[in-house]
């Protein structure tokens, strides 16, 4: 049904100089059943070429999508529609996450009894 446990989603706009923070923190993740989906909301800087370099080094799949500038909210909705992960985790283009963040989230989900999970899924 799902290709990955997590889709880590990053909306970005002219953040070529900041995206390395997200990338480096994802590279350090202890749980790698994930994809990184980046939607570029009309950047005019070198965002695309920076992401292409990340793809060469990544320990996980990276999908990059360019669109004409809309709005972060619209970009977030599009990202949710495009996600191949069971869970959608949004990380801004200038953020980073702890090396075990996805592992902790996954373990928390696995610790929930199946009958309780079914109450909260659509």
PDB file of N, CA and C in Angstrom:
ATOM      1  N   UNK A   1       0.819  -1.194   0.000  1.00  0.00           N
ATOM      2  CA  UNK A   1       0.000   0.000   0.000  1.00  0.00           C
ATOM      3  C   UNK A   1       0.862   1.257   0.000  1.00  0.00           C
ATOM      4  N   UNK A   2       1.741   1.399   0.978  1.00  0.00           N
ATOM      5  CA  UNK A   2       2.643   2.548   1.030  1.00  0.00           C
ATOM      6  C   UNK A   2       4.043   2.089   0.668  1.00  0.00           C
ATOM      7  N   UNK A   3       4.773   2.946   0.016  1.00  0.00           N
ATOM      8  CA  UNK A   3       6.132   2.611  -0.385  1.00  0.00           C
ATOM      9  C   UNK A   3       7.131   2.797   0.766  1.00  0.00           C
ATOM     10  N   UNK A   4       6.845   3.748   1.652  1.00  0.00           N
ATOM     11  CA  UNK A   4       7.744   4.073   2.766  1.00  0.00           C
ATOM     12  C   UNK A   4       6.929   4.248   4.040  1.00  0.00           C
ATOM     13  N   UNK A   5       7.603   4.154   5.182  1.00  0.00           N
ATOM     14  CA  UNK A   5       6.942   4.457   6.452  1.00  0.00           C
ATOM     15  C   UNK A   5       6.693   5.969   6.544  1.00  0.00           C
ATOM     16  N   UNK A   6       7.719   6.766   6.136  1.00  0.00           N
ATOM     17  CA  UNK A   6       7.599   8.222   6.255  1.00  0.00           C
ATOM     18  C   UNK A   6       7.861   8.921   4.927  1.00  0.00           C
ATOM     19  N   UNK A   7       7.098   9.950   4.685  1.00  0.00           N
ATOM     20  CA  UNK A   7       7.476  10.969   3.710  1.00  0.00           C
ATOM     21  C   UNK A   7       7.877  12.170   4.539  1.00  0.00           C
ATOM     22  N   UNK A   8       9.152  12.545   4.436  1.00  0.00           N
ATOM     23  CA  UNK A   8       9.612  13.777   5.057  1.00  0.00           C
ATOM     24  C   UNK A   8       9.447  14.840   3.976  1.00  0.00           C
ATOM     25  N   UNK A   9       8.658  15.838   4.269  1.00  0.00           N
ATOM     26  CA  UNK A   9       8.292  16.853   3.280  1.00  0.00           C
ATOM     27  C   UNK A   9       8.917  18.194   3.630  1.00  0.00           C
ATOM     28  N   UNK A  10       9.507  18.816   2.624  1.00  0.00           N
ATOM     29  CA  UNK A  10      10.080  20.145   2.814  1.00  0.00           C
ATOM     30  C   UNK A  10       9.613  21.073   1.703  1.00  0.00           C
ATOM     31  N   UNK A  11       8.789  22.061   2.067  1.00  0.00           N
ATOM     32  CA  UNK A  11       8.474  23.113   1.107  1.00  0.00           C
ATOM     33  C   UNK A  11       9.624  24.118   1.129  1.00  0.00           C
ATOM     34  N   UNK A  12       9.979  24.646  -0.017  1.00  0.00           N
ATOM     35  CA  UNK A  12      11.099  25.574  -0.027  1.00  0.00           C
ATOM     36  C   UNK A  12      10.888  26.686  -1.038  1.00  0.00           C
ATOM     37  N   UNK A  13      11.484  27.821  -0.749  1.00  0.00           N
ATOM     38  CA  UNK A  13      11.476  28.961  -1.658  1.00  0.00           C
ATOM     39  C   UNK A  13      12.758  29.759  -1.410  1.00  0.00           C
ATOM     40  N   UNK A  14      13.657  29.734  -2.380  1.00  0.00           N
ATOM     41  CA  UNK A  14      14.930  30.461  -2.307  1.00  0.00           C
ATOM     42  C   UNK A  14      15.698  30.154  -1.017  1.00  0.00           C
ATOM     43  N   UNK A  15      15.844  28.876  -0.721  1.00  0.00           N
ATOM     44  CA  UNK A  15      16.567  28.443   0.470  1.00  0.00           C
ATOM     45  C   UNK A  15      17.745  27.534   0.130  1.00  0.00           C
ATOM     46  N   UNK A  16      18.331  27.716  -1.040  1.00  0.00           N
ATOM     47  CA  UNK A  16      19.459  26.861  -1.448  1.00  0.00           C
ATOM     48  C   UNK A  16      20.566  26.866  -0.399  1.00  0.00           C
ATOM     49  N   UNK A  17      20.746  27.987   0.261  1.00  0.00           N
ATOM     50  CA  UNK A  17      21.816  28.113   1.255  1.00  0.00           C
ATOM     51  C   UNK A  17      21.442  27.543   2.621  1.00  0.00           C
ATOM     52  N   UNK A  18      20.194  27.127   2.793  1.00  0.00           N
ATOM     53  CA  UNK A  18      19.741  26.608   4.089  1.00  0.00           C
ATOM     54  C   UNK A  18      19.373  25.123   4.048  1.00  0.00           C
ATOM     55  N   UNK A  19      19.022  24.610   2.880  1.00  0.00           N
ATOM     56  CA  UNK A  19      18.534  23.223   2.767  1.00  0.00           C
ATOM     57  C   UNK A  19      19.510  22.183   3.302  1.00  0.00           C
ATOM     58  N   UNK A  20      20.791  22.506   3.330  1.00  0.00           N
ATOM     59  CA  UNK A  20      21.785  21.537   3.818  1.00  0.00           C
ATOM     60  C   UNK A  20      21.490  21.110   5.247  1.00  0.00           C
ATOM     61  N   UNK A  21      20.860  21.971   6.029  1.00  0.00           N
ATOM     62  CA  UNK A  21      20.547  21.613   7.422  1.00  0.00           C
ATOM     63  C   UNK A  21      19.585  20.432   7.479  1.00  0.00           C
ATOM     64  N   UNK A  22      18.535  20.491   6.675  1.00  0.00           N
ATOM     65  CA  UNK A  22      17.586  19.381   6.638  1.00  0.00           C
ATOM     66  C   UNK A  22      18.288  18.127   6.118  1.00  0.00           C
ATOM     67  N   UNK A  23      18.983  18.284   4.998  1.00  0.00           N
ATOM     68  CA  UNK A  23      19.641  17.136   4.376  1.00  0.00           C
ATOM     69  C   UNK A  23      20.603  16.448   5.338  1.00  0.00           C
ATOM     70  N   UNK A  24      21.461  17.203   5.977  1.00  0.00           N
ATOM     71  CA  UNK A  24      22.443  16.619   6.889  1.00  0.00           C
ATOM     72  C   UNK A  24      21.762  15.898   8.051  1.00  0.00           C
ATOM     73  N   UNK A  25      20.669  16.465   8.557  1.00  0.00           N
ATOM     74  CA  UNK A  25      19.980  15.784   9.660  1.00  0.00           C
ATOM     75  C   UNK A  25      19.274  14.519   9.179  1.00  0.00           C
ATOM     76  N   UNK A  26      18.803  14.508   7.944  1.00  0.00           N
ATOM     77  CA  UNK A  26      18.197  13.288   7.403  1.00  0.00           C
ATOM     78  C   UNK A  26      19.256  12.222   7.134  1.00  0.00           C
ATOM     79  N   UNK A  27      20.425  12.636   6.702  1.00  0.00           N
ATOM     80  CA  UNK A  27      21.515  11.687   6.464  1.00  0.00           C
ATOM     81  C   UNK A  27      21.906  10.952   7.749  1.00  0.00           C
ATOM     82  N   UNK A  28      21.704  11.588   8.886  1.00  0.00           N
ATOM     83  CA  UNK A  28      22.087  11.007  10.171  1.00  0.00           C
ATOM     84  C   UNK A  28      20.984  10.154  10.804  1.00  0.00           C
ATOM     85  N   UNK A  29      19.849  10.039  10.151  1.00  0.00           N
ATOM     86  CA  UNK A  29      18.736   9.306  10.753  1.00  0.00           C
ATOM     87  C   UNK A  29      19.093   7.831  10.977  1.00  0.00           C
ATOM     88  N   UNK A  30      18.654   7.315  12.120  1.00  0.00           N
ATOM     89  CA  UNK A  30      18.855   5.904  12.438  1.00  0.00           C
ATOM     90  C   UNK A  30      17.769   5.032  11.801  1.00  0.00           C
ATOM     91  N   UNK A  31      16.706   5.638  11.325  1.00  0.00           N
ATOM     92  CA  UNK A  31      15.588   4.937  10.683  1.00  0.00           C
ATOM     93  C   UNK A  31      15.449   5.509   9.280  1.00  0.00           C
ATOM     94  N   UNK A  32      15.653   4.685   8.264  1.00  0.00           N
ATOM     95  CA  UNK A  32      15.717   5.197   6.887  1.00  0.00           C
ATOM     96  C   UNK A  32      14.597   4.705   5.977  1.00  0.00           C
ATOM     97  N   UNK A  33      13.521   4.190   6.542  1.00  0.00           N
ATOM     98  CA  UNK A  33      12.389   3.791   5.715  1.00  0.00           C
ATOM     99  C   UNK A  33      11.583   5.054   5.402  1.00  0.00           C
ATOM    100  N   UNK A  34      12.143   5.843   4.476  1.00  0.00           N
ATOM    101  CA  UNK A  34      11.593   7.169   4.212  1.00  0.00           C
ATOM    102  C   UNK A  34      11.981   7.649   2.825  1.00  0.00           C
ATOM    103  N   UNK A  35      11.266   8.652   2.392  1.00  0.00           N
ATOM    104  CA  UNK A  35      11.634   9.434   1.218  1.00  0.00           C
ATOM    105  C   UNK A  35      11.661  10.890   1.661  1.00  0.00           C
ATOM    106  N   UNK A  36      12.418  11.702   0.938  1.00  0.00           N
ATOM    107  CA  UNK A  36      12.409  13.143   1.181  1.00  0.00           C
ATOM    108  C   UNK A  36      11.775  13.785  -0.037  1.00  0.00           C
ATOM    109  N   UNK A  37      10.631  14.404   0.167  1.00  0.00           N
ATOM    110  CA  UNK A  37       9.913  15.096  -0.889  1.00  0.00           C
ATOM    111  C   UNK A  37      10.113  16.594  -0.707  1.00  0.00           C
ATOM    112  N   UNK A  38      10.704  17.215  -1.707  1.00  0.00           N
ATOM    113  CA  UNK A  38      10.953  18.655  -1.675  1.00  0.00           C
ATOM    114  C   UNK A  38      10.095  19.289  -2.764  1.00  0.00           C
ATOM    115  N   UNK A  39       9.265  20.242  -2.384  1.00  0.00           N
ATOM    116  CA  UNK A  39       8.540  21.018  -3.392  1.00  0.00           C
ATOM    117  C   UNK A  39       9.084  22.435  -3.345  1.00  0.00           C
ATOM    118  N   UNK A  40       9.646  22.818  -4.477  1.00  0.00           N
ATOM    119  CA  UNK A  40      10.239  24.135  -4.655  1.00  0.00           C
ATOM    120  C   UNK A  40       9.142  25.062  -5.180  1.00  0.00           C
ATOM    121  N   UNK A  41       8.786  26.034  -4.381  1.00  0.00           N
ATOM    122  CA  UNK A  41       7.665  26.921  -4.690  1.00  0.00           C
ATOM    123  C   UNK A  41       8.116  28.148  -5.474  1.00  0.00           C
ATOM    124  N   UNK A  42       8.820  27.896  -6.589  1.00  0.00           N
ATOM    125  CA  UNK A  42       9.176  28.981  -7.500  1.00  0.00           C
ATOM    126  C   UNK A  42      10.507  29.651  -7.220  1.00  0.00           C
ATOM    127  N   UNK A  43      11.456  28.943  -6.630  1.00  0.00           N
ATOM    128  CA  UNK A  43      12.762  29.541  -6.315  1.00  0.00           C
ATOM    129  C   UNK A  43      13.460  30.074  -7.562  1.00  0.00           C
ATOM    130  N   UNK A  44      14.208  31.151  -7.345  1.00  0.00           N
ATOM    131  CA  UNK A  44      15.029  31.729  -8.415  1.00  0.00           C
ATOM    132  C   UNK A  44      16.514  31.610  -8.091  1.00  0.00           C
ATOM    133  N   UNK A  45      16.835  30.903  -7.027  1.00  0.00           N
ATOM    134  CA  UNK A  45      18.236  30.692  -6.657  1.00  0.00           C
ATOM    135  C   UNK A  45      18.689  29.319  -7.183  1.00  0.00           C
ATOM    136  N   UNK A  46      19.670  28.735  -6.586  1.00  0.00           N
ATOM    137  CA  UNK A  46      20.252  27.468  -7.039  1.00  0.00           C
ATOM    138  C   UNK A  46      19.658  26.240  -6.334  1.00  0.00           C
ATOM    139  N   UNK A  47      18.444  26.347  -5.875  1.00  0.00           N
ATOM    140  CA  UNK A  47      17.836  25.247  -5.125  1.00  0.00           C
ATOM    141  C   UNK A  47      17.888  23.933  -5.891  1.00  0.00           C
ATOM    142  N   UNK A  48      17.511  23.938  -7.148  1.00  0.00           N
ATOM    143  CA  UNK A  48      17.476  22.695  -7.917  1.00  0.00           C
ATOM    144  C   UNK A  48      18.855  22.043  -7.983  1.00  0.00           C
ATOM    145  N   UNK A  49      19.892  22.804  -8.259  1.00  0.00           N
ATOM    146  CA  UNK A  49      21.228  22.211  -8.368  1.00  0.00           C
ATOM    147  C   UNK A  49      21.731  21.719  -7.008  1.00  0.00           C
ATOM    148  N   UNK A  50      21.369  22.394  -5.944  1.00  0.00           N
ATOM    149  CA  UNK A  50      21.731  21.936  -4.599  1.00  0.00           C
ATOM    150  C   UNK A  50      21.082  20.579  -4.324  1.00  0.00           C
ATOM    151  N   UNK A  51      19.814  20.446  -4.665  1.00  0.00           N
ATOM    152  CA  UNK A  51      19.106  19.188  -4.445  1.00  0.00           C
ATOM    153  C   UNK A  51      19.708  18.079  -5.315  1.00  0.00           C
ATOM    154  N   UNK A  52      20.092  18.393  -6.528  1.00  0.00           N
ATOM    155  CA  UNK A  52      20.722  17.395  -7.397  1.00  0.00           C
ATOM    156  C   UNK A  52      22.007  16.862  -6.761  1.00  0.00           C
ATOM    157  N   UNK A  53      22.762  17.710  -6.103  1.00  0.00           N
ATOM    158  CA  UNK A  53      23.967  17.270  -5.388  1.00  0.00           C
ATOM    159  C   UNK A  53      23.599  16.389  -4.202  1.00  0.00           C
ATOM    160  N   UNK A  54      22.542  16.748  -3.484  1.00  0.00           N
ATOM    161  CA  UNK A  54      22.082  15.916  -2.369  1.00  0.00           C
ATOM    162  C   UNK A  54      21.744  14.510  -2.857  1.00  0.00           C
ATOM    163  N   UNK A  55      21.084  14.424  -3.994  1.00  0.00           N
ATOM    164  CA  UNK A  55      20.664  13.119  -4.528  1.00  0.00           C
ATOM    165  C   UNK A  55      21.855  12.191  -4.744  1.00  0.00           C
ATOM    166  N   UNK A  56      22.999  12.739  -5.098  1.00  0.00           N
ATOM    167  CA  UNK A  56      24.192  11.932  -5.339  1.00  0.00           C
ATOM    168  C   UNK A  56      24.747  11.318  -4.051  1.00  0.00           C
ATOM    169  N   UNK A  57      24.466  11.937  -2.926  1.00  0.00           N
ATOM    170  CA  UNK A  57      25.021  11.512  -1.647  1.00  0.00           C
ATOM    171  C   UNK A  57      24.009  10.817  -0.729  1.00  0.00           C
ATOM    172  N   UNK A  58      22.741  10.940  -1.030  1.00  0.00           N
ATOM    173  CA  UNK A  58      21.675  10.551  -0.103  1.00  0.00           C
ATOM    174  C   UNK A  58      21.632   9.056   0.170  1.00  0.00           C
ATOM    175  N   UNK A  59      21.261   8.726   1.394  1.00  0.00           N
ATOM    176  CA  UNK A  59      21.045   7.349   1.841  1.00  0.00           C
ATOM    177  C   UNK A  59      19.584   6.953   1.703  1.00  0.00           C
ATOM    178  N   UNK A  60      18.795   7.775   1.021  1.00  0.00           N
ATOM    179  CA  UNK A  60      17.349   7.600   0.899  1.00  0.00           C
ATOM    180  C   UNK A  60      16.913   8.289  -0.397  1.00  0.00           C
ATOM    181  N   UNK A  61      15.747   7.933  -0.921  1.00  0.00           N
ATOM    182  CA  UNK A  61      15.261   8.579  -2.148  1.00  0.00           C
ATOM    183  C   UNK A  61      14.866  10.038  -1.896  1.00  0.00           C
ATOM    184  N   UNK A  62      15.178  10.866  -2.872  1.00  0.00           N
ATOM    185  CA  UNK A  62      14.791  12.278  -2.834  1.00  0.00           C
ATOM    186  C   UNK A  62      13.981  12.571  -4.086  1.00  0.00           C
ATOM    187  N   UNK A  63      12.813  13.171  -3.887  1.00  0.00           N
ATOM    188  CA  UNK A  63      12.010  13.648  -5.014  1.00  0.00           C
ATOM    189  C   UNK A  63      11.951  15.162  -4.940  1.00  0.00           C
ATOM    190  N   UNK A  64      12.272  15.791  -6.052  1.00  0.00           N
ATOM    191  CA  UNK A  64      12.258  17.254  -6.153  1.00  0.00           C
ATOM    192  C   UNK A  64      11.214  17.647  -7.180  1.00  0.00           C
ATOM    193  N   UNK A  65      10.332  18.556  -6.792  1.00  0.00           N
ATOM    194  CA  UNK A  65       9.281  19.044  -7.677  1.00  0.00           C
ATOM    195  C   UNK A  65       9.341  20.570  -7.678  1.00  0.00           C
ATOM    196  N   UNK A  66       9.392  21.135  -8.878  1.00  0.00           N
ATOM    197  CA  UNK A  66       9.365  22.595  -9.021  1.00  0.00           C
ATOM    198  C   UNK A  66       7.963  23.005  -9.440  1.00  0.00           C
ATOM    199  N   UNK A  67       7.485  24.084  -8.851  1.00  0.00           N
ATOM    200  CA  UNK A  67       6.197  24.649  -9.264  1.00  0.00           C
ATOM    201  C   UNK A  67       6.297  26.164  -9.248  1.00  0.00           C
ATOM    202  N   UNK A  68       5.427  26.807  -9.998  1.00  0.00           N
ATOM    203  CA  UNK A  68       5.343  28.264  -9.925  1.00  0.00           C
ATOM    204  C   UNK A  68       4.887  28.651  -8.532  1.00  0.00           C
ATOM    205  N   UNK A  69       5.330  29.789  -8.078  1.00  0.00           N
ATOM    206  CA  UNK A  69       5.046  30.237  -6.717  1.00  0.00           C
ATOM    207  C   UNK A  69       3.541  30.298  -6.464  1.00  0.00           C
ATOM    208  N   UNK A  70       3.135  29.597  -5.412  1.00  0.00           N
ATOM    209  CA  UNK A  70       1.730  29.633  -5.004  1.00  0.00           C
ATOM    210  C   UNK A  70       1.668  30.190  -3.587  1.00  0.00           C
ATOM    211  N   UNK A  71       1.776  29.329  -2.627  1.00  0.00           N
ATOM    212  CA  UNK A  71       1.754  29.704  -1.215  1.00  0.00           C
ATOM    213  C   UNK A  71       2.174  28.468  -0.438  1.00  0.00           C
ATOM    214  N   UNK A  72       2.779  28.660   0.712  1.00  0.00           N
ATOM    215  CA  UNK A  72       3.241  27.517   1.502  1.00  0.00           C
ATOM    216  C   UNK A  72       2.093  26.563   1.823  1.00  0.00           C
ATOM    217  N   UNK A  73       0.927  27.099   2.120  1.00  0.00           N
ATOM    218  CA  UNK A  73      -0.212  26.253   2.459  1.00  0.00           C
ATOM    219  C   UNK A  73      -0.599  25.359   1.279  1.00  0.00           C
ATOM    220  N   UNK A  74      -0.652  25.925   0.088  1.00  0.00           N
ATOM    221  CA  UNK A  74      -0.981  25.150  -1.115  1.00  0.00           C
ATOM    222  C   UNK A  74       0.106  24.107  -1.367  1.00  0.00           C
ATOM    223  N   UNK A  75       1.363  24.490  -1.167  1.00  0.00           N
ATOM    224  CA  UNK A  75       2.481  23.569  -1.346  1.00  0.00           C
ATOM    225  C   UNK A  75       2.381  22.405  -0.364  1.00  0.00           C
ATOM    226  N   UNK A  76       2.010  22.681   0.851  1.00  0.00           N
ATOM    227  CA  UNK A  76       1.835  21.636   1.862  1.00  0.00           C
ATOM    228  C   UNK A  76       0.743  20.651   1.442  1.00  0.00           C
ATOM    229  N   UNK A  77      -0.357  21.149   0.952  1.00  0.00           N
ATOM    230  CA  UNK A  77      -1.433  20.267   0.489  1.00  0.00           C
ATOM    231  C   UNK A  77      -0.970  19.406  -0.686  1.00  0.00           C
ATOM    232  N   UNK A  78      -0.236  20.006  -1.602  1.00  0.00           N
ATOM    233  CA  UNK A  78       0.274  19.242  -2.743  1.00  0.00           C
ATOM    234  C   UNK A  78       1.238  18.153  -2.267  1.00  0.00           C
ATOM    235  N   UNK A  79       2.084  18.491  -1.316  1.00  0.00           N
ATOM    236  CA  UNK A  79       3.021  17.510  -0.766  1.00  0.00           C
ATOM    237  C   UNK A  79       2.292  16.332  -0.149  1.00  0.00           C
ATOM    238  N   UNK A  80       1.236  16.595   0.594  1.00  0.00           N
ATOM    239  CA  UNK A  80       0.452  15.512   1.203  1.00  0.00           C
ATOM    240  C   UNK A  80      -0.153  14.611   0.128  1.00  0.00           C
ATOM    241  N   UNK A  81      -0.598  15.207  -0.958  1.00  0.00           N
ATOM    242  CA  UNK A  81      -1.164  14.421  -2.066  1.00  0.00           C
ATOM    243  C   UNK A  81      -0.107  13.555  -2.737  1.00  0.00           C
ATOM    244  N   UNK A  82       1.127  14.031  -2.808  1.00  0.00           N
ATOM    245  CA  UNK A  82       2.195  13.336  -3.519  1.00  0.00           C
ATOM    246  C   UNK A  82       2.949  12.328  -2.662  1.00  0.00           C
ATOM    247  N   UNK A  83       2.707  12.333  -1.384  1.00  0.00           N
ATOM    248  CA  UNK A  83       3.472  11.502  -0.449  1.00  0.00           C
ATOM    249  C   UNK A  83       3.297  10.015  -0.728  1.00  0.00           C
ATOM    250  N   UNK A  84       4.403   9.278  -0.649  1.00  0.00           N
ATOM    251  CA  UNK A  84       4.402   7.824  -0.778  1.00  0.00           C
ATOM    252  C   UNK A  84       4.611   7.147   0.568  1.00  0.00           C
ATOM    253  N   UNK A  85       4.610   7.914   1.629  1.00  0.00           N
ATOM    254  CA  UNK A  85       4.818   7.367   2.960  1.00  0.00           C
ATOM    255  C   UNK A  85       3.516   7.180   3.707  1.00  0.00           C
ATOM    256  N   UNK A  86       3.537   6.252   4.626  1.00  0.00           N
ATOM    257  CA  UNK A  86       2.372   6.030   5.484  1.00  0.00           C
ATOM    258  C   UNK A  86       2.128   7.247   6.369  1.00  0.00           C
ATOM    259  N   UNK A  87       3.243   7.867   6.801  1.00  0.00           N
ATOM    260  CA  UNK A  87       3.165   9.051   7.650  1.00  0.00           C
ATOM    261  C   UNK A  87       3.830  10.224   6.951  1.00  0.00           C
ATOM    262  N   UNK A  88       3.288  11.393   7.166  1.00  0.00           N
ATOM    263  CA  UNK A  88       3.738  12.633   6.535  1.00  0.00           C
ATOM    264  C   UNK A  88       4.343  13.516   7.614  1.00  0.00           C
ATOM    265  N   UNK A  89       5.615  13.859   7.441  1.00  0.00           N
ATOM    266  CA  UNK A  89       6.343  14.621   8.451  1.00  0.00           C
ATOM    267  C   UNK A  89       6.948  15.837   7.766  1.00  0.00           C
ATOM    268  N   UNK A  90       6.466  17.016   8.104  1.00  0.00           N
ATOM    269  CA  UNK A  90       6.913  18.242   7.460  1.00  0.00           C
ATOM    270  C   UNK A  90       8.075  18.867   8.235  1.00  0.00           C
ATOM    271  N   UNK A  91       9.138  19.171   7.502  1.00  0.00           N
ATOM    272  CA  UNK A  91      10.324  19.805   8.093  1.00  0.00           C
ATOM    273  C   UNK A  91      10.670  21.010   7.220  1.00  0.00           C
ATOM    274  N   UNK A  92      10.635  22.201   7.798  1.00  0.00           N
ATOM    275  CA  UNK A  92      10.921  23.412   7.027  1.00  0.00           C
ATOM    276  C   UNK A  92      12.336  23.416   6.471  1.00  0.00           C
ATOM    277  N   UNK A  93      12.542  24.227   5.456  1.00  0.00           N
ATOM    278  CA  UNK A  93      13.798  24.218   4.702  1.00  0.00           C
ATOM    279  C   UNK A  93      14.998  24.758   5.483  1.00  0.00           C
ATOM    280  N   UNK A  94      14.783  25.346   6.634  1.00  0.00           N
ATOM    281  CA  UNK A  94      15.910  25.828   7.439  1.00  0.00           C
ATOM    282  C   UNK A  94      15.995  25.090   8.777  1.00  0.00           C
ATOM    283  N   UNK A  95      15.305  23.959   8.880  1.00  0.00           N
ATOM    284  CA  UNK A  95      15.272  23.188  10.127  1.00  0.00           C
ATOM    285  C   UNK A  95      16.172  21.966  10.043  1.00  0.00           C
ATOM    286  N   UNK A  96      16.302  21.300  11.162  1.00  0.00           N
ATOM    287  CA  UNK A  96      16.960  20.004  11.232  1.00  0.00           C
ATOM    288  C   UNK A  96      16.257  19.206  12.317  1.00  0.00           C
ATOM    289  N   UNK A  97      16.403  17.883  12.240  1.00  0.00           N
ATOM    290  CA  UNK A  97      15.773  17.031  13.242  1.00  0.00           C
ATOM    291  C   UNK A  97      16.837  16.161  13.904  1.00  0.00           C
ATOM    292  N   UNK A  98      16.535  15.672  15.091  1.00  0.00           N
ATOM    293  CA  UNK A  98      17.474  14.832  15.828  1.00  0.00           C
ATOM    294  C   UNK A  98      17.717  13.523  15.077  1.00  0.00           C
ATOM    295  N   UNK A  99      18.891  12.922  15.230  1.00  0.00           N
ATOM    296  CA  UNK A  99      19.246  11.715  14.473  1.00  0.00           C
ATOM    297  C   UNK A  99      18.316  10.524  14.674  1.00  0.00           C
ATOM    298  N   UNK A 100      17.590  10.481  15.774  1.00  0.00           N
ATOM    299  CA  UNK A 100      16.684   9.356  16.013  1.00  0.00           C
ATOM    300  C   UNK A 100      15.219   9.764  15.927  1.00  0.00           C
ATOM    301  N   UNK A 101      14.928  10.920  15.355  1.00  0.00           N
ATOM    302  CA  UNK A 101      13.551  11.436  15.336  1.00  0.00           C
ATOM    303  C   UNK A 101      12.580  10.461  14.675  1.00  0.00           C
ATOM    304  N   UNK A 102      12.923   9.961  13.502  1.00  0.00           N
ATOM    305  CA  UNK A 102      12.005   9.059  12.802  1.00  0.00           C
ATOM    306  C   UNK A 102      11.895   7.712  13.511  1.00  0.00           C
ATOM    307  N   UNK A 103      12.976   7.255  14.086  1.00  0.00           N
ATOM    308  CA  UNK A 103      12.944   6.004  14.845  1.00  0.00           C
ATOM    309  C   UNK A 103      12.020   6.133  16.055  1.00  0.00           C
ATOM    310  N   UNK A 104      12.112   7.245  16.766  1.00  0.00           N
ATOM    311  CA  UNK A 104      11.255   7.473  17.934  1.00  0.00           C
ATOM    312  C   UNK A 104       9.783   7.519  17.515  1.00  0.00           C
ATOM    313  N   UNK A 105       9.487   8.218  16.437  1.00  0.00           N
ATOM    314  CA  UNK A 105       8.107   8.282  15.949  1.00  0.00           C
ATOM    315  C   UNK A 105       7.608   6.899  15.552  1.00  0.00           C
ATOM    316  N   UNK A 106       8.444   6.144  14.851  1.00  0.00           N
ATOM    317  CA  UNK A 106       8.053   4.802  14.435  1.00  0.00           C
ATOM    318  C   UNK A 106       7.812   3.899  15.644  1.00  0.00           C
ATOM    319  N   UNK A 107       8.706   3.925  16.612  1.00  0.00           N
ATOM    320  CA  UNK A 107       8.540   3.095  17.803  1.00  0.00           C
ATOM    321  C   UNK A 107       7.289   3.480  18.584  1.00  0.00           C
ATOM    322  N   UNK A 108       7.001   4.774  18.637  1.00  0.00           N
ATOM    323  CA  UNK A 108       5.784   5.213  19.330  1.00  0.00           C
ATOM    324  C   UNK A 108       4.551   4.660  18.628  1.00  0.00           C
ATOM    325  N   UNK A 109       4.549   4.693  17.314  1.00  0.00           N
ATOM    326  CA  UNK A 109       3.416   4.153  16.555  1.00  0.00           C
ATOM    327  C   UNK A 109       3.278   2.647  16.799  1.00  0.00           C
ATOM    328  N   UNK A 110       4.399   1.943  16.753  1.00  0.00           N
ATOM    329  CA  UNK A 110       4.363   0.493  16.945  1.00  0.00           C
ATOM    330  C   UNK A 110       3.915   0.101  18.353  1.00  0.00           C
ATOM    331  N   UNK A 111       4.109   0.978  19.310  1.00  0.00           N
ATOM    332  CA  UNK A 111       3.724   0.665  20.696  1.00  0.00           C
ATOM    333  C   UNK A 111       2.223   0.837  20.938  1.00  0.00           C
ATOM    334  N   UNK A 112       1.520   1.448  20.025  1.00  0.00           N
ATOM    335  CA  UNK A 112       0.078   1.639  20.168  1.00  0.00           C
ATOM    336  C   UNK A 112      -0.631   0.340  19.773  1.00  0.00           C
ATOM    337  N   UNK A 113      -1.523  -0.094  20.605  1.00  0.00           N
ATOM    338  CA  UNK A 113      -2.269  -1.330  20.322  1.00  0.00           C
ATOM    339  C   UNK A 113      -3.040  -1.181  19.015  1.00  0.00           C
ATOM    340  N   UNK A 114      -3.152  -2.271  18.271  1.00  0.00           N
ATOM    341  CA  UNK A 114      -3.813  -2.245  16.967  1.00  0.00           C
ATOM    342  C   UNK A 114      -5.242  -1.715  17.037  1.00  0.00           C
ATOM    343  N   UNK A 115      -5.972  -2.063  18.085  1.00  0.00           N
ATOM    344  CA  UNK A 115      -7.353  -1.575  18.173  1.00  0.00           C
ATOM    345  C   UNK A 115      -7.396  -0.061  18.360  1.00  0.00           C
ATOM    346  N   UNK A 116      -6.414   0.510  19.023  1.00  0.00           N
ATOM    347  CA  UNK A 116      -6.347   1.967  19.188  1.00  0.00           C
ATOM    348  C   UNK A 116      -5.931   2.641  17.882  1.00  0.00           C
ATOM    349  N   UNK A 117      -5.019   2.015  17.117  1.00  0.00           N
ATOM    350  CA  UNK A 117      -4.606   2.565  15.828  1.00  0.00           C
ATOM    351  C   UNK A 117      -5.803   2.669  14.895  1.00  0.00           C
ATOM    352  N   UNK A 118      -6.651   1.649  14.890  1.00  0.00           N
ATOM    353  CA  UNK A 118      -7.791   1.646  13.988  1.00  0.00           C
ATOM    354  C   UNK A 118      -8.797   2.753  14.315  1.00  0.00           C
ATOM    355  N   UNK A 119      -8.831   3.202  15.554  1.00  0.00           N
ATOM    356  CA  UNK A 119      -9.720   4.292  15.938  1.00  0.00           C
ATOM    357  C   UNK A 119      -9.300   5.614  15.306  1.00  0.00           C
ATOM    358  N   UNK A 120      -8.009   5.742  14.968  1.00  0.00           N
ATOM    359  CA  UNK A 120      -7.481   7.034  14.527  1.00  0.00           C
ATOM    360  C   UNK A 120      -7.046   7.073  13.080  1.00  0.00           C
ATOM    361  N   UNK A 121      -7.288   6.026  12.332  1.00  0.00           N
ATOM    362  CA  UNK A 121      -6.899   6.040  10.914  1.00  0.00           C
ATOM    363  C   UNK A 121      -8.145   6.234  10.063  1.00  0.00           C
ATOM    364  N   UNK A 122      -7.917   6.765   8.904  1.00  0.00           N
ATOM    365  CA  UNK A 122      -9.038   7.039   7.995  1.00  0.00           C
ATOM    366  C   UNK A 122      -9.121   5.958   6.953  1.00  0.00           C
TER     367      UNK A 122
END
